[in-house]
PDB file of N, CA and C in Angstrom:
ATOM      1  N   MET A   1    -108.624  61.603 -19.093  1.00  0.00           N
ATOM      2  CA  MET A   1    -109.138  60.860 -20.235  1.00  0.00           C
ATOM      3  C   MET A   1    -110.526  61.417 -20.567  1.00  0.00           C
ATOM      4  N   SER A   2    -110.720  61.787 -21.802  1.00  0.00           N
ATOM      5  CA  SER A   2    -111.996  62.368 -22.209  1.00  0.00           C
ATOM      6  C   SER A   2    -113.044  61.283 -22.433  1.00  0.00           C
ATOM      7  N   ILE A   3    -114.294  61.696 -22.424  1.00  0.00           N
ATOM      8  CA  ILE A   3    -115.399  60.743 -22.599  1.00  0.00           C
ATOM      9  C   ILE A   3    -115.336  60.085 -23.974  1.00  0.00           C
ATOM     10  N   SER A   4    -114.906  60.831 -24.981  1.00  0.00           N
ATOM     11  CA  SER A   4    -114.830  60.242 -26.326  1.00  0.00           C
ATOM     12  C   SER A   4    -113.767  59.150 -26.401  1.00  0.00           C
ATOM     13  N   SER A   5    -112.653  59.329 -25.710  1.00  0.00           N
ATOM     14  CA  SER A   5    -111.632  58.280 -25.721  1.00  0.00           C
ATOM     15  C   SER A   5    -112.075  57.064 -24.912  1.00  0.00           C
ATOM     16  N   VAL A   6    -112.839  57.297 -23.846  1.00  0.00           N
ATOM     17  CA  VAL A   6    -113.379  56.179 -23.065  1.00  0.00           C
ATOM     18  C   VAL A   6    -114.362  55.380 -23.916  1.00  0.00           C
ATOM     19  N   ILE A   7    -115.246  56.069 -24.615  1.00  0.00           N
ATOM     20  CA  ILE A   7    -116.228  55.396 -25.473  1.00  0.00           C
ATOM     21  C   ILE A   7    -115.526  54.639 -26.596  1.00  0.00           C
ATOM     22  N   LYS A   8    -114.495  55.237 -27.175  1.00  0.00           N
ATOM     23  CA  LYS A   8    -113.733  54.557 -28.229  1.00  0.00           C
ATOM     24  C   LYS A   8    -113.090  53.278 -27.689  1.00  0.00           C
ATOM     25  N   SER A   9    -112.541  53.330 -26.484  1.00  0.00           N
ATOM     26  CA  SER A   9    -111.939  52.140 -25.872  1.00  0.00           C
ATOM     27  C   SER A   9    -112.981  51.060 -25.629  1.00  0.00           C
ATOM     28  N   ILE A  10    -114.147  51.465 -25.152  1.00  0.00           N
ATOM     29  CA  ILE A  10    -115.233  50.506 -24.917  1.00  0.00           C
ATOM     30  C   ILE A  10    -115.663  49.869 -26.234  1.00  0.00           C
ATOM     31  N   GLN A  11    -115.799  50.685 -27.278  1.00  0.00           N
ATOM     32  CA  GLN A  11    -116.179  50.157 -28.591  1.00  0.00           C
ATOM     33  C   GLN A  11    -115.158  49.141 -29.096  1.00  0.00           C
ATOM     34  N   ASP A  12    -113.886  49.451 -28.933  1.00  0.00           N
ATOM     35  CA  ASP A  12    -112.837  48.533 -29.390  1.00  0.00           C
ATOM     36  C   ASP A  12    -112.905  47.202 -28.654  1.00  0.00           C
ATOM     37  N   ILE A  13    -113.144  47.246 -27.353  1.00  0.00           N
ATOM     38  CA  ILE A  13    -113.262  46.016 -26.562  1.00  0.00           C
ATOM     39  C   ILE A  13    -114.489  45.229 -26.989  1.00  0.00           C
ATOM     40  N   MET A  14    -115.610  45.922 -27.181  1.00  0.00           N
ATOM     41  CA  MET A  14    -116.854  45.243 -27.531  1.00  0.00           C
ATOM     42  C   MET A  14    -116.807  44.645 -28.937  1.00  0.00           C
ATOM     43  N   ARG A  15    -116.042  45.249 -29.836  1.00  0.00           N
ATOM     44  CA  ARG A  15    -115.911  44.694 -31.191  1.00  0.00           C
ATOM     45  C   ARG A  15    -115.238  43.328 -31.171  1.00  0.00           C
ATOM     46  N   LYS A  16    -114.387  43.090 -30.184  1.00  0.00           N
ATOM     47  CA  LYS A  16    -113.688  41.806 -30.060  1.00  0.00           C
ATOM     48  C   LYS A  16    -114.559  40.724 -29.433  1.00  0.00           C
ATOM     49  N   ASP A  17    -115.668  41.122 -28.793  1.00  0.00           N
ATOM     50  CA  ASP A  17    -116.552  40.173 -28.111  1.00  0.00           C
ATOM     51  C   ASP A  17    -117.396  39.424 -29.141  1.00  0.00           C
ATOM     52  N   ALA A  18    -117.281  38.111 -29.131  1.00  0.00           N
ATOM     53  CA  ALA A  18    -118.026  37.290 -30.097  1.00  0.00           C
ATOM     54  C   ALA A  18    -119.530  37.300 -29.830  1.00  0.00           C
ATOM     55  N   GLY A  19    -119.947  37.623 -28.620  1.00  0.00           N
ATOM     56  CA  GLY A  19    -121.363  37.608 -28.272  1.00  0.00           C
ATOM     57  C   GLY A  19    -122.113  38.868 -28.655  1.00  0.00           C
ATOM     58  N   VAL A  20    -121.411  39.864 -29.158  1.00  0.00           N
ATOM     59  CA  VAL A  20    -122.042  41.129 -29.529  1.00  0.00           C
ATOM     60  C   VAL A  20    -122.034  41.243 -31.049  1.00  0.00           C
ATOM     61  N   ASP A  21    -123.226  41.352 -31.628  1.00  0.00           N
ATOM     62  CA  ASP A  21    -123.357  41.402 -33.085  1.00  0.00           C
ATOM     63  C   ASP A  21    -123.828  42.779 -33.537  1.00  0.00           C
ATOM     64  N   GLY A  22    -122.965  43.533 -34.133  1.00  0.00           N
ATOM     65  CA  GLY A  22    -123.337  44.783 -34.770  1.00  0.00           C
ATOM     66  C   GLY A  22    -123.340  45.993 -33.858  1.00  0.00           C
ATOM     67  N   ASP A  23    -123.312  47.152 -34.518  1.00  0.00           N
ATOM     68  CA  ASP A  23    -123.270  48.422 -33.796  1.00  0.00           C
ATOM     69  C   ASP A  23    -124.542  48.687 -33.003  1.00  0.00           C
ATOM     70  N   ALA A  24    -125.684  48.251 -33.507  1.00  0.00           N
ATOM     71  CA  ALA A  24    -126.951  48.500 -32.804  1.00  0.00           C
ATOM     72  C   ALA A  24    -126.953  47.817 -31.439  1.00  0.00           C
ATOM     73  N   GLN A  25    -126.487  46.598 -31.378  1.00  0.00           N
ATOM     74  CA  GLN A  25    -126.440  45.887 -30.102  1.00  0.00           C
ATOM     75  C   GLN A  25    -125.382  46.509 -29.182  1.00  0.00           C
ATOM     76  N   ARG A  26    -124.251  46.892 -29.744  1.00  0.00           N
ATOM     77  CA  ARG A  26    -123.207  47.531 -28.935  1.00  0.00           C
ATOM     78  C   ARG A  26    -123.697  48.847 -28.357  1.00  0.00           C
ATOM     79  N   LEU A  27    -124.441  49.610 -29.142  1.00  0.00           N
ATOM     80  CA  LEU A  27    -124.946  50.898 -28.676  1.00  0.00           C
ATOM     81  C   LEU A  27    -125.889  50.717 -27.494  1.00  0.00           C
ATOM     82  N   GLY A  28    -126.788  49.743 -27.593  1.00  0.00           N
ATOM     83  CA  GLY A  28    -127.702  49.475 -26.488  1.00  0.00           C
ATOM     84  C   GLY A  28    -126.974  49.054 -25.228  1.00  0.00           C
ATOM     85  N   GLN A  29    -125.995  48.191 -25.369  1.00  0.00           N
ATOM     86  CA  GLN A  29    -125.238  47.727 -24.208  1.00  0.00           C
ATOM     87  C   GLN A  29    -124.387  48.844 -23.615  1.00  0.00           C
ATOM     88  N   MET A  30    -123.799  49.667 -24.482  1.00  0.00           N
ATOM     89  CA  MET A  30    -123.001  50.784 -23.983  1.00  0.00           C
ATOM     90  C   MET A  30    -123.863  51.798 -23.241  1.00  0.00           C
ATOM     91  N   SER A  31    -125.067  52.028 -23.730  1.00  0.00           N
ATOM     92  CA  SER A  31    -125.981  52.950 -23.051  1.00  0.00           C
ATOM     93  C   SER A  31    -126.275  52.471 -21.641  1.00  0.00           C
ATOM     94  N   TRP A  32    -126.544  51.174 -21.502  1.00  0.00           N
ATOM     95  CA  TRP A  32    -126.795  50.616 -20.170  1.00  0.00           C
ATOM     96  C   TRP A  32    -125.561  50.712 -19.283  1.00  0.00           C
ATOM     97  N   LEU A  33    -124.401  50.422 -19.829  1.00  0.00           N
ATOM     98  CA  LEU A  33    -123.169  50.507 -19.038  1.00  0.00           C
ATOM     99  C   LEU A  33    -122.948  51.919 -18.510  1.00  0.00           C
ATOM    100  N   LEU A  34    -123.118  52.906 -19.379  1.00  0.00           N
ATOM    101  CA  LEU A  34    -122.928  54.292 -18.956  1.00  0.00           C
ATOM    102  C   LEU A  34    -123.982  54.717 -17.940  1.00  0.00           C
ATOM    103  N   PHE A  35    -125.239  54.325 -18.161  1.00  0.00           N
ATOM    104  CA  PHE A  35    -126.299  54.652 -17.214  1.00  0.00           C
ATOM    105  C   PHE A  35    -125.998  54.070 -15.839  1.00  0.00           C
ATOM    106  N   LEU A  36    -125.621  52.791 -15.805  1.00  0.00           N
ATOM    107  CA  LEU A  36    -125.348  52.141 -14.525  1.00  0.00           C
ATOM    108  C   LEU A  36    -124.125  52.736 -13.837  1.00  0.00           C
ATOM    109  N   LYS A  37    -123.131  53.151 -14.590  1.00  0.00           N
ATOM    110  CA  LYS A  37    -121.943  53.785 -14.013  1.00  0.00           C
ATOM    111  C   LYS A  37    -122.312  55.121 -13.377  1.00  0.00           C
ATOM    112  N   VAL A  38    -123.107  55.926 -14.064  1.00  0.00           N
ATOM    113  CA  VAL A  38    -123.540  57.217 -13.523  1.00  0.00           C
ATOM    114  C   VAL A  38    -124.425  57.004 -12.301  1.00  0.00           C
ATOM    115  N   PHE A  39    -125.339  56.041 -12.372  1.00  0.00           N
ATOM    116  CA  PHE A  39    -126.230  55.741 -11.255  1.00  0.00           C
ATOM    117  C   PHE A  39    -125.428  55.306 -10.031  1.00  0.00           C
ATOM    118  N   ASP A  40    -124.436  54.454 -10.229  1.00  0.00           N
ATOM    119  CA  ASP A  40    -123.601  53.981  -9.130  1.00  0.00           C
ATOM    120  C   ASP A  40    -122.818  55.133  -8.503  1.00  0.00           C
ATOM    121  N   ALA A  41    -122.276  56.008  -9.326  1.00  0.00           N
ATOM    122  CA  ALA A  41    -121.528  57.157  -8.813  1.00  0.00           C
ATOM    123  C   ALA A  41    -122.434  58.074  -8.001  1.00  0.00           C
ATOM    124  N   GLN A  42    -123.663  58.249  -8.453  1.00  0.00           N
ATOM    125  CA  GLN A  42    -124.612  59.088  -7.726  1.00  0.00           C
ATOM    126  C   GLN A  42    -124.976  58.453  -6.388  1.00  0.00           C
ATOM    127  N   GLU A  43    -125.179  57.153  -6.371  1.00  0.00           N
ATOM    128  CA  GLU A  43    -125.486  56.446  -5.125  1.00  0.00           C
ATOM    129  C   GLU A  43    -124.337  56.581  -4.128  1.00  0.00           C
ATOM    130  N   GLU A  44    -123.115  56.427  -4.589  1.00  0.00           N
ATOM    131  CA  GLU A  44    -121.961  56.557  -3.705  1.00  0.00           C
ATOM    132  C   GLU A  44    -121.858  57.968  -3.146  1.00  0.00           C
ATOM    133  N   GLU A  45    -122.121  58.957  -3.983  1.00  0.00           N
ATOM    134  CA  GLU A  45    -122.066  60.341  -3.532  1.00  0.00           C
ATOM    135  C   GLU A  45    -123.124  60.608  -2.460  1.00  0.00           C
ATOM    136  N   LEU A  46    -124.328  60.085  -2.654  1.00  0.00           N
ATOM    137  CA  LEU A  46    -125.384  60.262  -1.658  1.00  0.00           C
ATOM    138  C   LEU A  46    -125.032  59.583  -0.339  1.00  0.00           C
ATOM    139  N   GLU A  47    -124.379  58.437  -0.395  1.00  0.00           N
ATOM    140  CA  GLU A  47    -123.974  57.745   0.824  1.00  0.00           C
ATOM    141  C   GLU A  47    -123.028  58.606   1.649  1.00  0.00           C
ATOM    142  N   PHE A  48    -122.138  59.328   0.991  1.00  0.00           N
ATOM    143  CA  PHE A  48    -121.186  60.175   1.702  1.00  0.00           C
ATOM    144  C   PHE A  48    -121.825  61.465   2.204  1.00  0.00           C
ATOM    145  N   GLU A  49    -122.765  62.005   1.453  1.00  0.00           N
ATOM    146  CA  GLU A  49    -123.345  63.299   1.794  1.00  0.00           C
ATOM    147  C   GLU A  49    -124.453  63.216   2.835  1.00  0.00           C
ATOM    148  N   LEU A  50    -125.260  62.177   2.801  1.00  0.00           N
ATOM    149  CA  LEU A  50    -126.408  62.087   3.692  1.00  0.00           C
ATOM    150  C   LEU A  50    -126.140  61.097   4.818  1.00  0.00           C
ATOM    151  N   ASP A  51    -126.332  61.550   6.042  1.00  0.00           N
ATOM    152  CA  ASP A  51    -126.099  60.681   7.198  1.00  0.00           C
ATOM    153  C   ASP A  51    -127.128  59.567   7.297  1.00  0.00           C
ATOM    154  N   ASP A  52    -128.381  59.860   6.940  1.00  0.00           N
ATOM    155  CA  ASP A  52    -129.450  58.870   7.107  1.00  0.00           C
ATOM    156  C   ASP A  52    -129.766  58.105   5.821  1.00  0.00           C
ATOM    157  N   TYR A  53    -128.842  58.125   4.867  1.00  0.00           N
ATOM    158  CA  TYR A  53    -129.068  57.403   3.611  1.00  0.00           C
ATOM    159  C   TYR A  53    -128.873  55.916   3.842  1.00  0.00           C
ATOM    160  N   ARG A  54    -129.925  55.157   3.677  1.00  0.00           N
ATOM    161  CA  ARG A  54    -129.972  53.705   3.899  1.00  0.00           C
ATOM    162  C   ARG A  54    -129.153  53.320   5.074  1.00  0.00           C
TER     163      ARG A  54
END
């Protein structure tokens, strides 16, 4: 699944959410979601690679 199709799916889901008003708010929330997903993946990778990680 390409990143563009993932983003399109997220946009479609967020458009149905009554608590999200407009593209500007969706863009901000999507940016945070993507940042946190990348950050989490990086943390998991470090846990596997480094013996003394936390």
